[in-house]
Amino acid sequence: MNTFKRLAFSLTMAQALFPCAAWAGEGIKAAGPIGGTDIRQAWLPPPGLYAAGVGIRGRFKEFLGSDQDYAATGDFMVGGGGLLAVYPVEVFGGSLASSVFVSGGKTCFGLKSGRETCSRGMGDTYADLLVWSRLFPSKGPEAQRDPHIPYGLQVLFGLGVSFPNGVYKSSKAVNNGSNVYDTAPNVALTYTSPSIFGETLGDATEFSVRMFYNHYSRNDDTNYQSGDLVSADFSVSQRVRQWQFGVTGTGYVQIEDDENAGVKVPNGGNRGRLLQLGPVVSYDYMARGRPWNVTLKGYFAAGGENIASSNILILRIGTKLF
């Protein structure tokens, strides 16, 4: 319990990749859109302006320490939205886009041996300042069979930033904001092939991953510096007409020690790691002349260190505005 009081941490339940309580550092979290990425991660839609709404509900199970696990209590509920602008230009055979995501909600967390602490209000804003995506199409006959499925290898390079505009008080153990910038260059790969299970069980099989390198600024209120980390979202899924379903996961590994006033913090630098896995299902449809997508996924803790583990349900609905 003394450790819990000593290491105040920032909670970013609606952050893009890891909606869970952070223990390693004061605001350790991974950059990315609200609710994380999962399928079609390297893919950009046709030029236009797109919008998405996200709802997240989760419950904390335990705190996974470096040498001991602790029973935990608390939950979080988050709502948010984002805009994606795909520009009507082509650069080196690929598309360019920018996006922004905002969120807000309530998070409560505590060890069962103590008292819960809650935070209400806005979380940090995440933006993809610029991303570039290009498809290297398959030369096989499947590309001619269904032009709506992007058979081949799609690649994406981007630069993301999390801005510290969320609710934050250095005196609180739980915060929706982090009070630090996170600069996150990232790369994504999505490979789509004919169904590995045969045509009777689907039109295509997709393998997708997006990796971020997260570099944090110092928290000027506490003089705490979180170490850099590498994070990734990944999925393997099957496409059957308008449906897409499979297994998705998210995780990170901290590769640098945390420092407090320039001194390495105890507990081996307080490095964190996380792995969450779960199912994902997505459906595309047309309504009122607009393309829509609904995606539902769940994350279940599969391992970690210096992190509060949780079970999470995420619903995302998106459409093209114009």
Protein backbone atom coordinates (compact mmCIF):
# COMPACT_ATOMS: atom_id res chain seq x y z
CA MET A 1 0.00 0.00 0.00
CA ASN A 2 2.90 2.38 0.66
CA THR A 3 4.06 1.80 -2.92
CA PHE A 4 0.62 2.73 -4.21
CA LYS A 5 0.70 6.03 -2.30
CA ARG A 6 4.24 6.79 -3.31
CA LEU A 7 3.90 6.20 -7.05
CA ALA A 8 0.99 8.35 -8.15
CA PHE A 9 -0.04 7.36 -11.65
CA SER A 10 -2.14 8.76 -14.46
CA LEU A 11 -5.12 6.86 -15.78
CA THR A 12 -6.03 7.24 -19.44
CA MET A 13 -8.91 4.84 -19.71
CA ALA A 14 -9.91 6.11 -23.11
CA GLN A 15 -6.64 6.26 -24.71
CA ALA A 16 -6.26 4.80 -27.85
CA LEU A 17 -4.38 1.68 -27.27
CA PHE A 18 -4.45 0.84 -23.62
CA PRO A 19 -7.57 1.80 -21.70
CA CYS A 20 -6.22 0.65 -18.36
CA ALA A 21 -4.63 2.00 -15.21
CA ALA A 22 -0.97 2.80 -15.57
CA TRP A 23 1.52 2.07 -12.83
CA ALA A 24 4.89 2.33 -14.49
CA GLY A 25 5.64 6.03 -14.37
CA GLU A 26 3.19 8.80 -13.67
CA GLY A 27 1.47 8.80 -17.03
CA ILE A 28 2.69 5.84 -19.01
CA LYS A 29 0.38 5.08 -21.88
CA ALA A 30 0.58 4.36 -25.55
CA ALA A 31 -0.49 6.77 -28.26
CA GLY A 32 -3.23 6.00 -30.75
CA PRO A 33 -6.89 6.57 -31.65
CA ILE A 34 -9.57 6.08 -29.00
CA GLY A 35 -10.23 2.39 -28.47
CA GLY A 36 -7.10 1.39 -30.33
CA THR A 37 -6.60 0.05 -33.83
CA ASP A 38 -7.34 -3.54 -34.81
CA ILE A 39 -8.30 -4.54 -38.38
CA ARG A 40 -7.29 -2.78 -41.64
CA GLN A 41 -4.68 -0.77 -39.75
CA ALA A 42 -2.63 0.29 -42.78
CA TRP A 43 -5.68 1.04 -44.90
CA LEU A 44 -7.10 4.51 -45.69
CA PRO A 45 -10.56 5.00 -47.22
CA PRO A 46 -11.18 7.13 -50.35
CA PRO A 47 -10.72 10.93 -50.05
CA GLY A 48 -13.25 12.64 -47.80
CA LEU A 49 -14.06 13.49 -44.19
CA TYR A 50 -14.96 10.62 -41.86
CA ALA A 51 -16.27 10.55 -38.29
CA ALA A 52 -16.33 7.86 -35.62
CA GLY A 53 -17.82 7.52 -32.15
CA VAL A 54 -16.39 5.17 -29.53
CA GLY A 55 -17.74 3.80 -26.26
CA ILE A 56 -15.54 1.94 -23.76
CA ARG A 57 -16.55 0.05 -20.63
CA GLY A 58 -14.12 -1.81 -18.41
CA ARG A 59 -13.46 -3.19 -14.96
CA PHE A 60 -10.17 -3.52 -13.13
CA LYS A 61 -9.13 -6.94 -11.84
CA GLU A 62 -5.76 -6.57 -10.18
CA PHE A 63 -2.52 -4.67 -10.13
CA LEU A 64 0.33 -6.69 -11.64
CA GLY A 65 3.47 -5.72 -9.75
CA SER A 66 7.05 -6.65 -10.56
CA ASP A 67 7.27 -9.03 -7.61
CA GLN A 68 3.69 -9.37 -6.37
CA ASP A 69 0.12 -9.00 -7.66
CA TYR A 70 -2.54 -7.09 -5.72
CA ALA A 71 -6.33 -7.48 -5.83
CA ALA A 72 -7.87 -4.29 -7.23
CA THR A 73 -11.28 -2.68 -7.54
CA GLY A 74 -12.75 -0.03 -9.82
CA ASP A 75 -14.08 0.52 -13.31
CA PHE A 76 -14.16 3.05 -16.13
CA MET A 77 -16.65 4.33 -18.68
CA VAL A 78 -15.52 6.43 -21.62
CA GLY A 79 -17.09 8.13 -24.60
CA GLY A 80 -15.25 9.83 -27.41
CA GLY A 81 -15.10 10.66 -31.07
CA GLY A 82 -12.76 11.46 -33.88
CA LEU A 83 -12.43 12.91 -37.36
CA LEU A 84 -10.33 11.54 -40.22
CA ALA A 85 -9.54 13.71 -43.25
CA VAL A 86 -8.24 11.82 -46.29
CA TYR A 87 -6.79 14.35 -48.73
CA PRO A 88 -7.59 14.28 -52.48
CA VAL A 89 -3.93 13.97 -53.46
CA GLU A 90 -1.56 11.15 -54.34
CA VAL A 91 2.05 11.14 -53.12
CA PHE A 92 4.47 8.42 -54.24
CA GLY A 93 1.50 6.29 -55.25
CA GLY A 94 -0.17 6.55 -51.85
CA SER A 95 -2.77 8.55 -49.90
CA LEU A 96 -2.32 11.21 -47.20
CA ALA A 97 -4.54 11.78 -44.18
CA SER A 98 -4.77 13.47 -40.76
CA SER A 99 -6.98 12.70 -37.77
CA VAL A 100 -7.90 13.92 -34.28
CA PHE A 101 -9.58 12.08 -31.38
CA VAL A 102 -11.05 13.41 -28.11
CA SER A 103 -12.56 11.58 -25.14
CA GLY A 104 -14.01 11.98 -21.68
CA GLY A 105 -15.45 9.88 -18.92
CA LYS A 106 -15.07 8.56 -15.40
CA THR A 107 -12.40 6.27 -13.99
CA CYS A 108 -12.19 4.79 -10.49
CA PHE A 109 -9.36 2.62 -9.22
CA GLY A 110 -7.95 1.35 -5.96
CA LEU A 111 -6.45 -1.63 -4.23
CA LYS A 112 -8.99 -3.73 -2.35
CA SER A 113 -6.99 -3.11 0.81
CA GLY A 114 -7.50 0.63 0.41
CA ARG A 115 -9.87 3.24 -0.96
CA GLU A 116 -10.88 3.95 -4.56
CA THR A 117 -9.86 7.20 -6.20
CA CYS A 118 -11.87 8.61 -9.12
CA SER A 119 -11.26 11.04 -11.96
CA ARG A 120 -13.95 12.66 -14.10
CA GLY A 121 -13.57 14.78 -17.21
CA MET A 122 -11.65 14.96 -20.45
CA GLY A 123 -8.77 12.71 -21.41
CA ASP A 124 -5.76 13.73 -23.48
CA THR A 125 -6.30 14.49 -27.18
CA TYR A 126 -4.59 12.29 -29.76
CA ALA A 127 -3.87 13.37 -33.34
CA ASP A 128 -2.30 11.70 -36.34
CA LEU A 129 -0.60 14.80 -37.71
CA LEU A 130 0.05 13.07 -41.01
CA VAL A 131 -0.09 9.50 -42.30
CA TRP A 132 0.82 8.07 -45.70
CA SER A 133 -0.62 4.78 -46.95
CA ARG A 134 -0.08 2.76 -50.10
CA LEU A 135 -1.34 -0.57 -51.39
CA PHE A 136 1.01 -2.93 -53.20
CA PRO A 137 -1.68 -5.05 -54.86
CA SER A 138 -1.58 -8.78 -55.34
CA LYS A 139 -0.91 -9.95 -58.89
CA GLY A 140 -2.94 -13.10 -58.41
CA PRO A 141 -6.42 -13.81 -59.81
CA GLU A 142 -8.08 -12.94 -56.48
CA ALA A 143 -7.53 -9.22 -57.17
CA GLN A 144 -9.84 -9.48 -60.17
CA ARG A 145 -12.42 -11.61 -58.37
CA ASP A 146 -13.43 -9.02 -55.75
CA PRO A 147 -12.22 -5.42 -56.30
CA HIS A 148 -13.76 -4.34 -52.96
CA ILE A 149 -11.16 -6.33 -51.00
CA PRO A 150 -7.61 -4.88 -51.14
CA TYR A 151 -5.66 -8.09 -51.76
CA GLY A 152 -1.95 -7.53 -51.29
CA LEU A 153 0.24 -5.61 -48.86
CA GLN A 154 -0.82 -2.22 -47.53
CA VAL A 155 1.80 -0.09 -45.73
CA LEU A 156 1.34 3.03 -43.61
CA PHE A 157 3.77 5.49 -42.03
CA GLY A 158 2.57 8.14 -39.63
CA LEU A 159 3.40 10.65 -36.92
CA GLY A 160 1.08 10.79 -33.92
CA VAL A 161 1.03 13.09 -30.89
CA SER A 162 -0.90 12.97 -27.61
CA PHE A 163 -1.54 16.44 -26.18
CA PRO A 164 -1.74 16.96 -22.38
CA ASN A 165 -5.10 18.72 -22.25
CA GLY A 166 -6.89 16.12 -20.11
CA VAL A 167 -7.96 16.52 -16.49
CA TYR A 168 -4.89 16.28 -14.26
CA LYS A 169 -3.94 17.07 -10.66
CA SER A 170 -0.53 16.05 -9.39
CA SER A 171 -1.99 15.45 -5.92
CA LYS A 172 -4.34 12.72 -7.21
CA ALA A 173 -3.41 9.08 -7.76
CA VAL A 174 -5.87 8.71 -10.66
CA ASN A 175 -6.08 11.14 -13.57
CA ASN A 176 -7.75 11.02 -16.96
CA GLY A 177 -4.96 13.20 -18.35
CA SER A 178 -1.21 12.64 -18.20
CA ASN A 179 0.30 16.16 -18.18
CA VAL A 180 2.92 15.04 -20.71
CA TYR A 181 3.29 15.06 -24.49
CA ASP A 182 3.73 11.72 -26.25
CA THR A 183 5.36 11.90 -29.69
CA ALA A 184 4.76 8.62 -31.51
CA PRO A 185 6.08 7.85 -35.01
CA ASN A 186 4.36 4.70 -36.21
CA VAL A 187 4.18 2.14 -38.99
CA ALA A 188 1.44 -0.30 -39.99
CA LEU A 189 1.27 -3.35 -42.26
CA THR A 190 -1.88 -5.07 -43.47
CA TYR A 191 -1.61 -8.16 -45.65
CA THR A 192 -4.76 -9.57 -47.25
CA SER A 193 -4.72 -12.95 -48.98
CA PRO A 194 -7.34 -15.38 -50.28
CA SER A 195 -8.98 -17.22 -47.40
CA ILE A 196 -6.53 -19.67 -45.85
CA PHE A 197 -9.58 -21.75 -44.86
CA GLY A 198 -10.93 -22.00 -48.40
CA GLU A 199 -13.64 -20.08 -50.24
CA THR A 200 -16.47 -21.76 -48.34
CA LEU A 201 -15.26 -20.19 -45.08
CA GLY A 202 -14.56 -16.69 -46.33
CA ASP A 203 -13.41 -14.34 -49.05
CA ALA A 204 -10.08 -13.35 -47.52
CA THR A 205 -7.77 -13.65 -44.52
CA GLU A 206 -6.18 -10.50 -43.12
CA PHE A 207 -3.04 -10.05 -41.00
CA SER A 208 -2.62 -6.56 -39.58
CA VAL A 209 -0.27 -4.78 -37.16
CA ARG A 210 0.47 -1.18 -36.19
CA MET A 211 3.55 -0.30 -34.11
CA PHE A 212 4.28 2.95 -32.25
CA TYR A 213 7.46 4.31 -30.70
CA ASN A 214 6.35 6.45 -27.74
CA HIS A 215 8.60 9.25 -26.46
CA TYR A 216 7.35 11.26 -23.47
CA SER A 217 8.08 14.76 -22.28
CA ARG A 218 8.86 15.39 -18.61
CA ASN A 219 5.99 16.05 -16.21
CA ASP A 220 6.86 19.57 -15.08
CA ASP A 221 4.50 19.38 -12.09
CA THR A 222 6.33 16.42 -10.55
CA ASN A 223 9.71 16.42 -12.34
CA TYR A 224 9.00 12.81 -13.36
CA GLN A 225 10.24 11.41 -16.68
CA SER A 226 8.62 8.23 -18.02
CA GLY A 227 10.83 6.00 -20.14
CA ASP A 228 10.15 5.40 -23.83
CA LEU A 229 8.10 2.38 -24.85
CA VAL A 230 7.24 0.40 -27.98
CA SER A 231 3.57 -0.50 -28.43
CA ALA A 232 1.64 -2.51 -30.99
CA ASP A 233 -1.90 -3.43 -32.00
CA PHE A 234 -2.38 -6.58 -34.06
CA SER A 235 -5.07 -8.85 -35.45
CA VAL A 236 -5.73 -11.93 -37.57
CA SER A 237 -9.19 -11.91 -39.11
CA GLN A 238 -11.43 -13.47 -41.71
CA ARG A 239 -13.51 -11.49 -44.24
CA VAL A 240 -16.88 -12.92 -45.25
CA ARG A 241 -18.81 -10.53 -47.49
CA GLN A 242 -19.69 -7.53 -45.24
CA TRP A 243 -18.42 -9.22 -42.09
CA GLN A 244 -14.93 -9.34 -40.66
CA PHE A 245 -14.07 -11.24 -37.47
CA GLY A 246 -11.08 -12.71 -35.69
CA VAL A 247 -8.64 -12.25 -32.83
CA THR A 248 -7.07 -8.94 -31.87
CA GLY A 249 -4.48 -7.90 -29.33
CA THR A 250 -2.61 -4.93 -27.94
CA GLY A 251 0.54 -4.58 -25.87
CA TYR A 252 3.65 -2.64 -25.07
CA VAL A 253 7.14 -2.99 -23.60
CA GLN A 254 8.88 -0.10 -21.85
CA ILE A 255 12.48 0.06 -23.05
CA GLU A 256 13.83 2.86 -20.82
CA ASP A 257 13.83 3.45 -17.07
CA ASP A 258 11.68 6.05 -15.37
CA GLU A 259 13.49 8.92 -13.66
CA ASN A 260 12.46 11.24 -10.84
CA ALA A 261 14.42 14.49 -10.72
CA GLY A 262 17.02 12.86 -12.96
CA VAL A 263 17.47 9.81 -10.72
CA LYS A 264 16.42 6.30 -11.76
CA VAL A 265 13.38 5.29 -9.71
CA PRO A 266 13.42 2.11 -7.58
CA ASN A 267 12.06 -1.24 -8.68
CA GLY A 268 14.37 -1.63 -11.65
CA GLY A 269 13.41 1.67 -13.22
CA ASN A 270 9.70 0.92 -12.78
CA ARG A 271 9.44 -0.44 -16.32
CA GLY A 272 6.03 -1.61 -17.50
CA ARG A 273 4.74 -4.14 -20.00
CA LEU A 274 1.29 -5.29 -21.07
CA LEU A 275 -0.46 -7.85 -23.26
CA GLN A 276 -4.22 -7.98 -23.87
CA LEU A 277 -6.07 -10.32 -26.25
CA GLY A 278 -9.66 -10.76 -27.34
CA PRO A 279 -12.21 -11.18 -30.14
CA VAL A 280 -13.16 -8.58 -32.74
CA VAL A 281 -16.14 -8.47 -35.11
CA SER A 282 -16.89 -5.78 -37.70
CA TYR A 283 -19.76 -5.13 -40.12
CA ASP A 284 -19.91 -2.79 -43.16
CA TYR A 285 -23.22 -1.51 -44.52
CA MET A 286 -24.89 1.34 -46.42
CA ALA A 287 -27.55 3.59 -44.88
CA ARG A 288 -29.04 6.79 -46.35
CA GLY A 289 -26.46 6.69 -49.10
CA ARG A 290 -23.52 6.63 -46.68
CA PRO A 291 -21.04 3.85 -45.90
CA TRP A 292 -21.09 2.78 -42.24
CA ASN A 293 -19.00 0.47 -40.11
CA VAL A 294 -19.72 -1.02 -36.68
CA THR A 295 -16.92 -2.77 -34.79
CA LEU A 296 -17.16 -4.53 -31.43
CA LYS A 297 -14.19 -5.99 -29.59
CA GLY A 298 -13.10 -7.14 -26.16
CA TYR A 299 -9.74 -7.15 -24.42
CA PHE A 300 -8.76 -9.54 -21.63
CA ALA A 301 -5.54 -9.27 -19.65
CA ALA A 302 -2.98 -11.87 -20.74
CA GLY A 303 0.04 -10.58 -18.84
CA GLY A 304 1.88 -7.52 -17.65
CA GLU A 305 4.10 -5.86 -15.10
CA ASN A 306 3.66 -2.59 -13.20
CA ILE A 307 0.18 -2.22 -14.68
CA ALA A 308 -3.42 -2.41 -13.49
CA SER A 309 -5.04 -5.17 -15.57
CA SER A 310 -8.62 -4.92 -16.76
CA ASN A 311 -11.28 -6.52 -18.94
CA ILE A 312 -12.59 -4.13 -21.59
CA LEU A 313 -15.44 -3.89 -24.11
CA ILE A 314 -15.15 -1.37 -26.97
CA LEU A 315 -17.82 -0.32 -29.50
CA ARG A 316 -16.91 1.86 -32.50
CA ILE A 317 -19.29 3.28 -35.13
CA GLY A 318 -18.04 5.26 -38.11
CA THR A 319 -19.27 6.82 -41.33
CA LYS A 320 -18.29 9.19 -44.14
CA LEU A 321 -19.57 12.75 -43.68
CA PHE A 322 -18.73 13.97 -47.18
